[in-house]
Amino acid sequence: MKCVVDPARLLALIGMGHDHAIPMLTSPEWHKKQGVELADLAERIYLKDYLKKSKFFPGVLEILEDLKKRGKMLALASSSQRVIIEHYLTMLPEGSKTFQAIVTFDDVTHSKPDPELCLRALALSKMPAEKSCTVGDSAWDMLASGTAKIDAIGVLSGGTAREELQQFGAREIYRDVQDLHEHIDASLIFSGVLKEGSPALK
């Protein structure tokens, strides 16, 4: 059975787990028959042709190092499969030790925008939602965070528009990770409240 998808619809769902994205792009019936096969094929293509070409956005290593030095507990919650996340962890100086908790698609029943990934990360790191915040670049990151009662910071480097991040619950929005790092002391990560005139709100 062939299924043709408009690329614009596909781009709009980046950041959503394939368990949600494929039924939305096709139909529940198509997903039931061929969704798992399609997801497996996409994973094999990504692992073979794209994973080794991937790089962190500028500023990612620096902000992680800074947050660790300043005593912040870090957790990673991703809709990607664990094999993909394990590759990214090898690119970090401290590897998996960078994070107090790591939750991937393989660890949950439902991916983003379902809050399960976020809730499991909170449970593993033993952090209450009201003392936590997330950083993400998709509407689905914002929605999952909000449903889990976690304040969310959005970055525009994922291609999702500012208006859409705001619509789905971002309390602050920055150009990219470097921009967030430059204003980190005034951000939700340290202030816990939005400050009038913050660069994130302009």
Foldseek 3Di string as FASTA:
>chain_A
DDDDFDVVLVLQCPQAALVPSVCVRGNPVCCVVCVVVVVVVVVVCCVVPPLVVDDDDPPPQVVLVVCVVVPHAAEAFGAADPVSVQSVQVVHPVRPVSHQYYHYNVRDDGHFLALPSVVVRCVSSVHQQLLAEEEEAHLRVLQSSVVSVHAYEHEPVSPDDPVSNVVSHHPFYAPHNVRCSVQVCQDCNNPVDHDPPRPRVD
